[in-house]
Amino acid sequence: MVGGIGSGGGSAMDGIKAALQRQAEAAQRLSEAQSRINSGAEEAAVDGTGFGSKLNQGLEQINHQVQLSDKLVDGITSGKITEFHEVAAQIKQADLSFKFSLAVRNKFVDAYREIMRMSV
């Protein structure tokens, strides 16, 4: 009965076989693309260009700025630094960097909460 379905002289079995062949080819292409993505992620992790390493580097820079501004304040109070306006500019820059990092963290938390609310 299945052999009689279809047009153009081909049987339904041929159509099913062709569809299965196309599906297998698509699955193979998807598998190859996934392996390329994984190898690219491994390369990025090795050479330090991945998202996590960039995020870590940014946090280290912000931490360094905050620690430097603390040292500058100590230098002013001890009298070693007399250029108050430069210290104020450094402190403001560290403050803005810290506030920016907090805003990014809040966006990550909001995105995580949104993903957790999704029904699968």
N, C-alpha and C. Protein backbone atom coordinates (compact mmCIF):
# COMPACT_ATOMS: atom_id res chain seq x y z
N MET A 1 0.81 -1.19 0.00
CA MET A 1 0.00 0.00 0.00
C MET A 1 0.86 1.26 0.00
N VAL A 2 1.95 1.26 0.78
CA VAL A 2 2.81 2.43 0.83
C VAL A 2 3.49 2.62 -0.51
N GLY A 3 3.78 1.55 -1.20
CA GLY A 3 4.45 1.65 -2.48
C GLY A 3 3.61 2.35 -3.53
N GLY A 4 2.29 2.35 -3.42
CA GLY A 4 1.43 2.97 -4.41
C GLY A 4 1.19 4.45 -4.19
N ILE A 5 1.64 5.01 -3.06
CA ILE A 5 1.40 6.42 -2.75
C ILE A 5 2.48 7.26 -3.42
N GLY A 6 2.12 8.38 -3.94
CA GLY A 6 3.10 9.30 -4.51
C GLY A 6 2.83 9.51 -5.98
N SER A 7 3.58 10.44 -6.57
CA SER A 7 3.39 10.72 -7.98
C SER A 7 4.74 10.79 -8.65
N GLY A 8 4.71 10.89 -9.93
CA GLY A 8 5.94 11.03 -10.69
C GLY A 8 6.67 9.72 -10.87
N GLY A 9 6.02 8.61 -10.68
CA GLY A 9 6.64 7.33 -10.93
C GLY A 9 7.46 6.82 -9.76
N GLY A 10 7.73 7.66 -8.74
CA GLY A 10 8.49 7.21 -7.59
C GLY A 10 7.56 6.71 -6.51
N SER A 11 8.06 5.84 -5.72
CA SER A 11 7.23 5.31 -4.65
C SER A 11 7.40 6.14 -3.39
N ALA A 12 6.49 5.97 -2.46
CA ALA A 12 6.58 6.68 -1.19
C ALA A 12 7.81 6.23 -0.42
N MET A 13 8.21 4.98 -0.61
CA MET A 13 9.41 4.48 0.07
C MET A 13 10.63 5.26 -0.38
N ASP A 14 10.70 5.58 -1.66
CA ASP A 14 11.82 6.37 -2.17
C ASP A 14 11.82 7.77 -1.54
N GLY A 15 10.65 8.35 -1.42
CA GLY A 15 10.53 9.67 -0.80
C GLY A 15 10.95 9.64 0.66
N ILE A 16 10.56 8.60 1.37
CA ILE A 16 10.94 8.46 2.78
C ILE A 16 12.43 8.25 2.90
N LYS A 17 13.00 7.43 2.03
CA LYS A 17 14.44 7.21 2.06
C LYS A 17 15.20 8.50 1.76
N ALA A 18 14.72 9.29 0.82
CA ALA A 18 15.36 10.56 0.49
C ALA A 18 15.27 11.53 1.66
N ALA A 19 14.11 11.57 2.30
CA ALA A 19 13.94 12.46 3.46
C ALA A 19 14.85 12.03 4.60
N LEU A 20 14.97 10.74 4.84
CA LEU A 20 15.87 10.24 5.88
C LEU A 20 17.33 10.56 5.55
N GLN A 21 17.68 10.46 4.27
CA GLN A 21 19.04 10.79 3.84
C GLN A 21 19.33 12.27 4.08
N ARG A 22 18.38 13.15 3.72
CA ARG A 22 18.57 14.59 3.95
C ARG A 22 18.67 14.89 5.44
N GLN A 23 17.88 14.20 6.25
CA GLN A 23 17.93 14.41 7.70
C GLN A 23 19.28 13.96 8.26
N ALA A 24 19.80 12.85 7.78
CA ALA A 24 21.11 12.37 8.23
C ALA A 24 22.21 13.34 7.84
N GLU A 25 22.12 13.89 6.62
CA GLU A 25 23.11 14.88 6.17
C GLU A 25 23.04 16.15 7.02
N ALA A 26 21.83 16.58 7.33
CA ALA A 26 21.67 17.78 8.16
C ALA A 26 22.22 17.53 9.56
N ALA A 27 21.99 16.35 10.10
CA ALA A 27 22.52 16.01 11.43
C ALA A 27 24.04 15.99 11.40
N GLN A 28 24.62 15.49 10.31
CA GLN A 28 26.08 15.47 10.17
C GLN A 28 26.63 16.89 10.11
N ARG A 29 26.00 17.76 9.32
CA ARG A 29 26.45 19.16 9.25
C ARG A 29 26.34 19.84 10.61
N LEU A 30 25.26 19.58 11.33
CA LEU A 30 25.08 20.15 12.66
C LEU A 30 26.15 19.66 13.62
N SER A 31 26.48 18.38 13.53
CA SER A 31 27.53 17.82 14.38
C SER A 31 28.88 18.44 14.07
N GLU A 32 29.17 18.64 12.78
CA GLU A 32 30.43 19.26 12.40
C GLU A 32 30.50 20.71 12.87
N ALA A 33 29.39 21.42 12.76
CA ALA A 33 29.36 22.82 13.21
C ALA A 33 29.57 22.88 14.72
N GLN A 34 28.95 21.97 15.45
CA GLN A 34 29.10 21.94 16.90
C GLN A 34 30.55 21.64 17.30
N SER A 35 31.19 20.74 16.58
CA SER A 35 32.59 20.44 16.90
C SER A 35 33.48 21.63 16.58
N ARG A 36 33.18 22.39 15.49
CA ARG A 36 33.95 23.60 15.20
C ARG A 36 33.76 24.64 16.30
N ILE A 37 32.54 24.78 16.78
CA ILE A 37 32.27 25.73 17.87
C ILE A 37 33.02 25.32 19.13
N ASN A 38 32.98 24.04 19.45
CA ASN A 38 33.68 23.55 20.64
C ASN A 38 35.18 23.74 20.53
N SER A 39 35.75 23.46 19.35
CA SER A 39 37.19 23.63 19.20
C SER A 39 37.56 25.10 19.27
N GLY A 40 36.71 25.99 18.75
CA GLY A 40 36.96 27.42 18.86
C GLY A 40 36.89 27.89 20.30
N ALA A 41 35.97 27.33 21.08
CA ALA A 41 35.87 27.70 22.49
C ALA A 41 37.09 27.21 23.26
N GLU A 42 37.58 26.01 22.91
CA GLU A 42 38.77 25.49 23.57
C GLU A 42 39.99 26.35 23.24
N GLU A 43 40.10 26.77 21.97
CA GLU A 43 41.21 27.63 21.58
C GLU A 43 41.13 28.97 22.31
N ALA A 44 39.91 29.51 22.45
CA ALA A 44 39.74 30.79 23.14
C ALA A 44 40.10 30.64 24.62
N ALA A 45 39.78 29.51 25.20
CA ALA A 45 40.12 29.30 26.61
C ALA A 45 41.63 29.16 26.78
N VAL A 46 42.30 28.54 25.80
CA VAL A 46 43.74 28.35 25.90
C VAL A 46 44.48 29.67 25.76
N ASP A 47 44.10 30.48 24.77
CA ASP A 47 44.83 31.72 24.57
C ASP A 47 44.26 32.90 25.36
N GLY A 48 43.25 32.69 26.18
CA GLY A 48 42.76 33.73 27.07
C GLY A 48 41.85 34.75 26.42
N THR A 49 41.22 34.40 25.30
CA THR A 49 40.33 35.35 24.66
C THR A 49 38.86 35.00 24.85
N GLY A 50 38.57 34.03 25.68
CA GLY A 50 37.19 33.64 25.93
C GLY A 50 36.47 34.66 26.79
N PHE A 51 35.16 34.52 26.83
CA PHE A 51 34.34 35.46 27.58
C PHE A 51 34.69 35.48 29.06
N GLY A 52 34.88 34.30 29.63
CA GLY A 52 35.19 34.21 31.06
C GLY A 52 36.52 34.87 31.39
N SER A 53 37.51 34.66 30.54
CA SER A 53 38.82 35.26 30.81
C SER A 53 38.77 36.77 30.64
N LYS A 54 38.02 37.26 29.66
CA LYS A 54 37.88 38.71 29.48
C LYS A 54 37.15 39.33 30.67
N LEU A 55 36.13 38.64 31.15
CA LEU A 55 35.40 39.13 32.31
C LEU A 55 36.30 39.17 33.54
N ASN A 56 37.11 38.14 33.71
CA ASN A 56 38.04 38.09 34.83
C ASN A 56 39.08 39.20 34.73
N GLN A 57 39.59 39.46 33.53
CA GLN A 57 40.57 40.53 33.34
C GLN A 57 39.95 41.89 33.67
N GLY A 58 38.72 42.10 33.26
CA GLY A 58 38.04 43.37 33.56
C GLY A 58 37.86 43.56 35.05
N LEU A 59 37.48 42.50 35.75
CA LEU A 59 37.30 42.60 37.21
C LEU A 59 38.63 42.86 37.91
N GLU A 60 39.69 42.25 37.41
CA GLU A 60 41.01 42.50 37.99
C GLU A 60 41.43 43.95 37.79
N GLN A 61 41.14 44.52 36.61
CA GLN A 61 41.47 45.92 36.36
C GLN A 61 40.69 46.85 37.28
N ILE A 62 39.42 46.56 37.47
CA ILE A 62 38.60 47.39 38.36
C ILE A 62 39.11 47.28 39.79
N ASN A 63 39.45 46.07 40.22
CA ASN A 63 40.00 45.88 41.56
C ASN A 63 41.29 46.66 41.72
N HIS A 64 42.14 46.65 40.70
CA HIS A 64 43.40 47.39 40.75
C HIS A 64 43.13 48.89 40.86
N GLN A 65 42.15 49.41 40.11
CA GLN A 65 41.82 50.84 40.19
C GLN A 65 41.34 51.22 41.58
N VAL A 66 40.50 50.40 42.17
CA VAL A 66 39.97 50.69 43.51
C VAL A 66 41.09 50.66 44.54
N GLN A 67 41.98 49.67 44.44
CA GLN A 67 43.10 49.60 45.38
C GLN A 67 44.05 50.78 45.20
N LEU A 68 44.28 51.20 43.97
CA LEU A 68 45.14 52.35 43.70
C LEU A 68 44.53 53.63 44.28
N SER A 69 43.22 53.79 44.15
CA SER A 69 42.59 54.98 44.71
C SER A 69 42.68 54.98 46.24
N ASP A 70 42.59 53.82 46.85
CA ASP A 70 42.78 53.74 48.31
C ASP A 70 44.19 54.15 48.71
N LYS A 71 45.17 53.72 47.93
CA LYS A 71 46.56 54.10 48.22
C LYS A 71 46.77 55.60 48.03
N LEU A 72 46.11 56.18 47.01
CA LEU A 72 46.24 57.62 46.79
C LEU A 72 45.64 58.42 47.94
N VAL A 73 44.53 57.94 48.47
CA VAL A 73 43.93 58.62 49.63
C VAL A 73 44.87 58.55 50.82
N ASP A 74 45.49 57.41 51.01
CA ASP A 74 46.47 57.28 52.09
C ASP A 74 47.65 58.23 51.85
N GLY A 75 48.06 58.40 50.60
CA GLY A 75 49.16 59.31 50.28
C GLY A 75 48.80 60.76 50.57
N ILE A 76 47.55 61.13 50.35
CA ILE A 76 47.13 62.50 50.66
C ILE A 76 47.11 62.73 52.16
N THR A 77 46.57 61.77 52.89
CA THR A 77 46.49 61.95 54.34
C THR A 77 47.86 61.96 54.99
N SER A 78 48.82 61.26 54.40
CA SER A 78 50.16 61.25 54.96
C SER A 78 50.99 62.44 54.49
N GLY A 79 50.51 63.18 53.46
CA GLY A 79 51.21 64.35 52.97
C GLY A 79 52.19 64.05 51.86
N LYS A 80 52.25 62.82 51.39
CA LYS A 80 53.19 62.46 50.32
C LYS A 80 52.71 62.96 48.96
N ILE A 81 51.40 63.11 48.78
CA ILE A 81 50.83 63.56 47.52
C ILE A 81 50.19 64.93 47.74
N THR A 82 50.56 65.89 46.89
CA THR A 82 50.03 67.24 47.04
C THR A 82 49.07 67.61 45.91
N GLU A 83 49.00 66.81 44.85
CA GLU A 83 48.12 67.10 43.72
C GLU A 83 46.73 66.52 44.00
N PHE A 84 45.90 67.28 44.68
CA PHE A 84 44.59 66.78 45.09
C PHE A 84 43.67 66.55 43.90
N HIS A 85 43.72 67.40 42.89
CA HIS A 85 42.81 67.27 41.76
C HIS A 85 43.07 65.98 40.96
N GLU A 86 44.32 65.55 40.86
CA GLU A 86 44.62 64.30 40.17
C GLU A 86 44.10 63.10 40.96
N VAL A 87 44.23 63.18 42.27
CA VAL A 87 43.72 62.10 43.13
C VAL A 87 42.20 62.03 43.03
N ALA A 88 41.56 63.21 43.02
CA ALA A 88 40.10 63.24 42.91
C ALA A 88 39.64 62.63 41.59
N ALA A 89 40.37 62.91 40.51
CA ALA A 89 40.02 62.34 39.21
C ALA A 89 40.20 60.82 39.21
N GLN A 90 41.27 60.33 39.83
CA GLN A 90 41.49 58.89 39.92
C GLN A 90 40.40 58.21 40.75
N ILE A 91 40.01 58.85 41.84
CA ILE A 91 38.96 58.28 42.70
C ILE A 91 37.64 58.24 41.94
N LYS A 92 37.33 59.30 41.19
CA LYS A 92 36.09 59.34 40.41
C LYS A 92 36.10 58.25 39.34
N GLN A 93 37.24 58.06 38.69
CA GLN A 93 37.34 57.03 37.67
C GLN A 93 37.14 55.64 38.28
N ALA A 94 37.74 55.39 39.43
CA ALA A 94 37.56 54.10 40.11
C ALA A 94 36.11 53.91 40.52
N ASP A 95 35.48 54.98 40.97
CA ASP A 95 34.07 54.92 41.38
C ASP A 95 33.17 54.58 40.19
N LEU A 96 33.42 55.24 39.05
CA LEU A 96 32.62 54.96 37.86
C LEU A 96 32.84 53.53 37.36
N SER A 97 34.07 53.06 37.41
CA SER A 97 34.35 51.68 36.99
C SER A 97 33.64 50.68 37.89
N PHE A 98 33.67 50.95 39.18
CA PHE A 98 33.01 50.05 40.13
C PHE A 98 31.50 50.06 39.91
N LYS A 99 30.92 51.23 39.70
CA LYS A 99 29.47 51.31 39.45
C LYS A 99 29.10 50.61 38.15
N PHE A 100 29.96 50.73 37.14
CA PHE A 100 29.71 50.04 35.88
C PHE A 100 29.73 48.53 36.08
N SER A 101 30.70 48.05 36.84
CA SER A 101 30.77 46.60 37.08
C SER A 101 29.55 46.11 37.86
N LEU A 102 29.05 46.94 38.77
CA LEU A 102 27.83 46.56 39.49
C LEU A 102 26.63 46.51 38.55
N ALA A 103 26.56 47.45 37.61
CA ALA A 103 25.46 47.45 36.65
C ALA A 103 25.52 46.21 35.76
N VAL A 104 26.72 45.82 35.34
CA VAL A 104 26.88 44.61 34.52
C VAL A 104 26.48 43.38 35.34
N ARG A 105 26.91 43.33 36.59
CA ARG A 105 26.53 42.20 37.45
C ARG A 105 25.02 42.12 37.60
N ASN A 106 24.37 43.28 37.80
CA ASN A 106 22.92 43.29 37.95
C ASN A 106 22.23 42.80 36.68
N LYS A 107 22.77 43.14 35.52
CA LYS A 107 22.19 42.65 34.26
C LYS A 107 22.35 41.14 34.14
N PHE A 108 23.50 40.61 34.58
CA PHE A 108 23.69 39.16 34.56
C PHE A 108 22.69 38.47 35.50
N VAL A 109 22.49 39.03 36.67
CA VAL A 109 21.55 38.45 37.62
C VAL A 109 20.14 38.50 37.05
N ASP A 110 19.76 39.62 36.44
CA ASP A 110 18.43 39.73 35.84
C ASP A 110 18.26 38.72 34.71
N ALA A 111 19.28 38.55 33.89
CA ALA A 111 19.20 37.58 32.80
C ALA A 111 19.08 36.16 33.34
N TYR A 112 19.82 35.85 34.39
CA TYR A 112 19.74 34.53 35.02
C TYR A 112 18.33 34.29 35.56
N ARG A 113 17.78 35.28 36.23
CA ARG A 113 16.43 35.13 36.78
C ARG A 113 15.41 34.95 35.66
N GLU A 114 15.57 35.69 34.57
CA GLU A 114 14.65 35.56 33.44
C GLU A 114 14.73 34.16 32.84
N ILE A 115 15.92 33.63 32.72
CA ILE A 115 16.08 32.28 32.18
C ILE A 115 15.47 31.26 33.12
N MET A 116 15.61 31.47 34.41
CA MET A 116 15.03 30.52 35.37
C MET A 116 13.51 30.55 35.36
N ARG A 117 12.93 31.67 34.97
CA ARG A 117 11.47 31.77 34.90
C ARG A 117 10.91 31.13 33.65
N MET A 118 11.73 30.87 32.67
CA MET A 118 11.25 30.29 31.43
C MET A 118 10.78 28.86 31.66
N SER A 119 9.66 28.54 31.02
CA SER A 119 9.22 27.15 31.08
C SER A 119 9.77 26.42 29.87
N VAL A 120 10.21 25.23 30.12
CA VAL A 120 10.86 24.47 29.04
C VAL A 120 9.94 23.41 28.52
